[in-house]
Amino acid sequence: MPPFPRTAHTGGETTLTPSKPSPISIGQAIREATDMETWLPAPPRLSEVTDRLLGYIRETAAAVEAAAGDRPVDCVVRRAALAAVQEARRRAEDGPGNGYTSAIAFARGLGKAAGNLLHQERRLEREGGR
């Protein structure tokens, strides 16, 4: 009988291998950043979310800009997409100020800009060559 009845635990040592944390999805990063009005993350989590948002903006801004550039100059979708790219890049370049409060404000701004950029990216994909 195991030393811990009804648990099937024999008392032997359990070996745990440290698992690599899964990368944070962009949707999750955007939600967490924009929800920072109601919760305050630990500094390591704040850094993780901020880094993910910055990476997304750097990768996606160029792709959205290129896709929007293929549209006619007077296209409403093109103007909205290019405005989202410009705003996201501006927010990313600003960087955080000094302190935790500033880092929270920076992450929230990045989250809003990345959310708009994601929306424009999907809109361009959905509307194709119209």
Protein backbone atom coordinates (compact mmCIF):
# COMPACT_ATOMS: atom_id res chain seq x y z
CA MET A 1 0.00 0.00 0.00
CA PRO A 2 1.33 3.46 -0.81
CA PRO A 3 2.40 5.61 2.13
CA PHE A 4 -0.33 8.10 1.21
CA PRO A 5 -3.56 6.08 1.06
CA ARG A 6 -6.01 6.73 -1.77
CA THR A 7 -3.60 9.01 -3.63
CA ALA A 8 -1.59 6.43 -5.59
CA HIS A 9 1.46 8.39 -4.52
CA THR A 10 4.21 6.01 -3.48
CA GLY A 11 6.37 8.58 -1.77
CA GLY A 12 9.06 8.45 -4.44
CA GLU A 13 10.69 11.64 -5.59
CA THR A 14 9.01 13.38 -8.44
CA THR A 15 11.34 14.79 -11.00
CA LEU A 16 10.09 17.90 -12.61
CA THR A 17 11.79 19.30 -15.61
CA PRO A 18 11.49 23.03 -15.81
CA SER A 19 9.24 23.83 -18.70
CA LYS A 20 9.93 26.71 -20.96
CA PRO A 21 7.06 29.17 -20.69
CA SER A 22 4.98 29.27 -23.81
CA PRO A 23 5.22 32.49 -25.76
CA ILE A 24 2.47 34.95 -25.07
CA SER A 25 0.00 35.37 -27.93
CA ILE A 26 -0.56 38.81 -29.36
CA GLY A 27 -4.23 38.65 -28.43
CA GLN A 28 -3.37 37.86 -24.83
CA ALA A 29 -0.73 40.62 -24.72
CA ILE A 30 -3.22 43.17 -26.06
CA ARG A 31 -5.88 42.10 -23.55
CA GLU A 32 -3.46 42.23 -20.63
CA ALA A 33 -2.07 45.61 -21.64
CA THR A 34 -5.44 47.23 -22.13
CA ASP A 35 -6.75 45.70 -18.89
CA MET A 36 -3.97 47.35 -16.89
CA GLU A 37 -6.52 49.95 -15.85
CA THR A 38 -7.97 47.34 -13.50
CA TRP A 39 -4.95 45.22 -12.53
CA LEU A 40 -1.27 45.81 -12.00
CA PRO A 41 1.06 43.05 -13.21
CA ALA A 42 4.33 42.08 -11.60
CA PRO A 43 7.30 43.80 -13.26
CA PRO A 44 8.51 40.63 -15.05
CA ARG A 45 5.05 40.10 -16.57
CA LEU A 46 4.86 43.76 -17.53
CA SER A 47 8.19 43.40 -19.33
CA GLU A 48 7.02 40.24 -21.10
CA VAL A 49 3.81 41.89 -22.32
CA THR A 50 5.64 45.05 -23.41
CA ASP A 51 8.31 43.10 -25.29
CA ARG A 52 5.64 41.04 -27.09
CA LEU A 53 3.74 44.18 -28.12
CA LEU A 54 6.89 45.93 -29.35
CA GLY A 55 7.88 42.87 -31.37
CA TYR A 56 4.43 42.62 -32.90
CA ILE A 57 4.40 46.29 -33.86
CA ARG A 58 7.86 46.05 -35.44
CA GLU A 59 6.90 42.96 -37.45
CA THR A 60 3.39 43.91 -38.45
CA ALA A 61 3.69 47.63 -39.16
CA ALA A 62 5.78 47.05 -42.28
CA ALA A 63 3.45 44.33 -43.57
CA VAL A 64 0.33 46.45 -43.01
CA GLU A 65 2.03 49.44 -44.62
CA ALA A 66 2.95 47.38 -47.69
CA ALA A 67 -0.53 45.88 -48.00
CA ALA A 68 -2.15 49.30 -47.64
CA GLY A 69 0.28 50.78 -50.15
CA ASP A 70 -1.14 48.51 -52.87
CA ARG A 71 -4.52 50.24 -52.61
CA PRO A 72 -5.60 53.44 -54.38
CA VAL A 73 -4.53 56.67 -52.69
CA ASP A 74 -8.11 57.75 -51.96
CA CYS A 75 -9.08 54.40 -50.40
CA VAL A 76 -10.56 54.74 -46.89
CA VAL A 77 -9.12 51.38 -45.83
CA ARG A 78 -5.65 52.48 -46.94
CA ARG A 79 -5.86 55.73 -44.95
CA ALA A 80 -7.05 53.94 -41.81
CA ALA A 81 -4.34 51.29 -42.07
CA LEU A 82 -1.56 53.83 -42.61
CA ALA A 83 -2.83 55.90 -39.69
CA ALA A 84 -2.75 52.79 -37.47
CA VAL A 85 0.83 52.06 -38.60
CA GLN A 86 1.93 55.62 -37.88
CA GLU A 87 0.31 55.63 -34.43
CA ALA A 88 1.78 52.24 -33.49
CA ARG A 89 5.28 53.26 -34.57
CA ARG A 90 5.02 56.56 -32.69
CA ARG A 91 3.96 54.82 -29.49
CA ALA A 92 6.74 52.24 -29.84
CA GLU A 93 9.37 54.94 -30.37
CA ASP A 94 8.23 56.99 -27.36
CA GLY A 95 9.38 54.35 -24.90
CA PRO A 96 8.52 54.25 -21.23
CA GLY A 97 9.48 57.03 -18.89
CA ASN A 98 10.89 56.47 -15.41
CA GLY A 99 9.12 54.21 -13.00
CA TYR A 100 6.45 51.57 -12.81
CA THR A 101 3.53 53.92 -13.44
CA SER A 102 5.09 55.15 -16.65
CA ALA A 103 5.79 51.56 -17.75
CA ILE A 104 2.11 50.73 -17.20
CA ALA A 105 1.01 53.74 -19.25
CA PHE A 106 3.47 52.80 -22.00
CA ALA A 107 2.21 49.20 -22.12
CA ARG A 108 -1.42 50.35 -22.21
CA GLY A 109 -0.66 52.68 -25.12
CA LEU A 110 1.16 49.90 -26.94
CA GLY A 111 -1.76 47.55 -26.34
CA LYS A 112 -4.25 49.99 -27.82
CA ALA A 113 -2.02 50.71 -30.82
CA ALA A 114 -1.30 47.01 -31.40
CA GLY A 115 -5.02 46.23 -31.16
CA ASN A 116 -5.79 48.82 -33.82
CA LEU A 117 -2.94 47.54 -35.99
CA LEU A 118 -4.25 43.98 -35.66
CA HIS A 119 -7.72 45.18 -36.64
CA GLN A 120 -6.36 46.95 -39.73
CA GLU A 121 -4.26 43.92 -40.68
CA ARG A 122 -7.33 41.67 -40.56
CA ARG A 123 -9.40 44.24 -42.40
CA LEU A 124 -6.86 44.39 -45.23
CA GLU A 125 -6.78 40.59 -45.43
CA ARG A 126 -10.55 40.32 -45.36
CA GLU A 127 -11.17 42.97 -48.00
CA GLY A 128 -8.38 41.71 -50.25
CA GLY A 129 -7.84 43.64 -53.45
CA ARG A 130 -10.96 45.80 -53.30
